[in-house]
Amino acid sequence: MNRLIIEELEAWFFGDVEAICAAYPRISPNLAQQAKYRNPDAVSGGTWEALERELQKKGYYPDGLSKLVVAQEIYQYMNPERNTSHSFQLFRDALLQMVYTVSDRLLKFIANG
C-alpha cells in the first residue's frame, strides 16, 4: 500500500460531518450540504484552514487549534462506512484488502499445520 496521509486527514474529517458534529455540537449537521464541502477532497483554500474557520465561527478554539487535539476529538466518532471522502475510501479499502490478505494467508498456514 503506497498511500501517504498528509493533507488528507482534514478532508477525511469533512467526509464524516456527523463525527465533527458529535465532537463539536455547535457545528451544523448541514455543513456537508454547503457547496464548498460537498466534495471533501476538493475543499479549496486548505482543508485545515476551512476546518479551523468553521470551528472558530461556532466559538471553538478562538486562539487557534491544535491538529492533535482536533484529531483526538473527532476520530473517536468517525465511522469508516459513512465517510464520503474518496481518498479516505481508497485508504480504507486498501487497509481492508491488506487485512483480508493476511487473514487468508494465516488461515491457510494454520490449516496446513
Protein backbone atom coordinates (compact mmCIF):
# COMPACT_ATOMS: atom_id res chain seq x y z
CA MET A 1 0.00 0.00 0.00
CA ASN A 2 1.63 3.16 -1.22
CA ARG A 3 -0.60 5.85 0.21
CA LEU A 4 0.56 8.67 2.47
CA ILE A 5 -1.65 10.62 4.84
CA ILE A 6 -0.60 14.23 4.51
CA GLU A 7 -3.30 16.83 3.83
CA GLU A 8 -5.87 14.06 3.68
CA LEU A 9 -6.74 13.97 7.38
CA GLU A 10 -8.87 17.12 7.42
CA ALA A 11 -10.58 16.08 4.18
CA TRP A 12 -11.38 12.82 5.93
CA PHE A 13 -12.98 14.79 8.77
CA PHE A 14 -15.12 16.73 6.27
CA GLY A 15 -16.06 13.35 4.81
CA ASP A 16 -17.74 12.48 8.10
CA VAL A 17 -19.58 15.60 9.21
CA GLU A 18 -21.52 13.53 11.75
CA ALA A 19 -18.22 12.93 13.55
CA ILE A 20 -17.40 16.64 13.52
CA CYS A 21 -20.86 17.42 14.91
CA ALA A 22 -20.55 14.78 17.62
CA ALA A 23 -17.21 16.24 18.74
CA TYR A 24 -18.36 19.84 18.32
CA PRO A 25 -22.15 20.05 18.83
CA ARG A 26 -22.45 23.70 17.78
CA ILE A 27 -21.43 22.75 14.22
CA SER A 28 -24.42 22.44 11.90
CA PRO A 29 -25.16 18.95 10.58
CA ASN A 30 -25.93 20.72 7.28
CA LEU A 31 -22.25 21.56 6.84
CA ALA A 32 -21.84 18.78 4.27
CA GLN A 33 -24.66 20.29 2.17
CA GLN A 34 -22.73 23.51 1.64
CA ALA A 35 -21.31 23.61 -1.89
CA LYS A 36 -17.73 24.13 -0.71
CA TYR A 37 -17.82 20.97 1.44
CA ARG A 38 -19.80 18.57 -0.77
CA ASN A 39 -16.59 17.04 -2.07
CA PRO A 40 -14.33 16.76 0.99
CA ASP A 41 -11.24 16.10 -1.14
CA ALA A 42 -11.71 19.31 -3.15
CA VAL A 43 -12.11 21.89 -0.37
CA SER A 44 -10.36 25.00 -1.66
CA GLY A 45 -8.08 27.15 0.42
CA GLY A 46 -6.81 24.25 2.51
CA THR A 47 -8.88 21.78 4.46
CA TRP A 48 -7.16 22.60 7.74
CA GLU A 49 -7.89 26.28 7.36
CA ALA A 50 -11.51 25.54 6.40
CA LEU A 51 -11.98 23.31 9.45
CA GLU A 52 -10.43 25.96 11.68
CA ARG A 53 -12.74 28.65 10.23
CA GLU A 54 -15.85 26.52 10.75
CA LEU A 55 -14.91 25.68 14.33
CA GLN A 56 -14.00 29.25 15.18
CA LYS A 57 -17.27 30.59 13.70
CA LYS A 58 -19.04 28.50 16.33
CA GLY A 59 -16.81 29.68 19.18
CA TYR A 60 -14.33 26.81 19.33
CA TYR A 61 -10.58 27.50 19.58
CA PRO A 62 -10.59 31.30 19.25
CA ASP A 63 -6.80 31.36 19.66
CA GLY A 64 -6.16 28.70 17.01
CA LEU A 65 -6.45 24.97 17.10
CA SER A 66 -4.05 22.11 17.51
CA LYS A 67 -4.21 19.39 14.87
CA LEU A 68 -3.54 16.77 17.53
CA VAL A 69 -6.35 17.96 19.80
CA VAL A 70 -8.86 18.21 16.96
CA ALA A 71 -7.88 14.78 15.64
CA GLN A 72 -8.33 13.27 19.10
CA GLU A 73 -11.73 14.91 19.45
CA ILE A 74 -13.10 13.88 16.04
CA TYR A 75 -11.59 10.46 15.27
CA GLN A 76 -13.46 8.70 18.07
CA TYR A 77 -16.76 9.47 16.34
CA MET A 78 -15.70 8.61 12.80
CA ASN A 79 -17.50 5.80 11.01
CA PRO A 80 -15.48 4.40 8.08
CA GLU A 81 -18.62 3.24 6.28
CA ARG A 82 -20.28 6.65 6.10
CA ASN A 83 -17.20 8.67 5.15
CA THR A 84 -17.73 10.40 1.79
CA SER A 85 -14.09 11.35 1.18
CA HIS A 86 -12.86 9.45 -1.88
CA SER A 87 -9.27 9.46 -0.59
CA PHE A 88 -10.48 8.01 2.72
CA GLN A 89 -12.46 5.32 0.90
CA LEU A 90 -9.35 4.34 -1.08
CA PHE A 91 -7.24 4.20 2.07
CA ARG A 92 -9.92 2.25 3.98
CA ASP A 93 -10.34 -0.24 1.15
CA ALA A 94 -6.57 -0.74 0.85
CA LEU A 95 -6.34 -1.44 4.57
CA LEU A 96 -9.24 -3.88 4.41
CA GLN A 97 -7.66 -5.68 1.46
CA MET A 98 -4.41 -5.97 3.38
CA VAL A 99 -6.21 -7.38 6.43
CA TYR A 100 -8.16 -9.88 4.31
CA THR A 101 -4.97 -11.00 2.55
CA VAL A 102 -3.09 -11.52 5.81
CA SER A 103 -6.07 -13.29 7.39
CA ASP A 104 -6.42 -15.59 4.38
CA ARG A 105 -2.72 -16.47 4.46
CA LEU A 106 -2.84 -17.07 8.20
CA LEU A 107 -5.85 -19.39 7.88
CA LYS A 108 -4.12 -21.35 5.11
CA PHE A 109 -0.97 -21.62 7.22
CA ILE A 110 -2.97 -22.93 10.21
CA ALA A 111 -4.92 -25.35 8.05
CA ASN A 112 -1.74 -26.79 6.57
CA GLY A 113 -0.26 -27.04 10.07
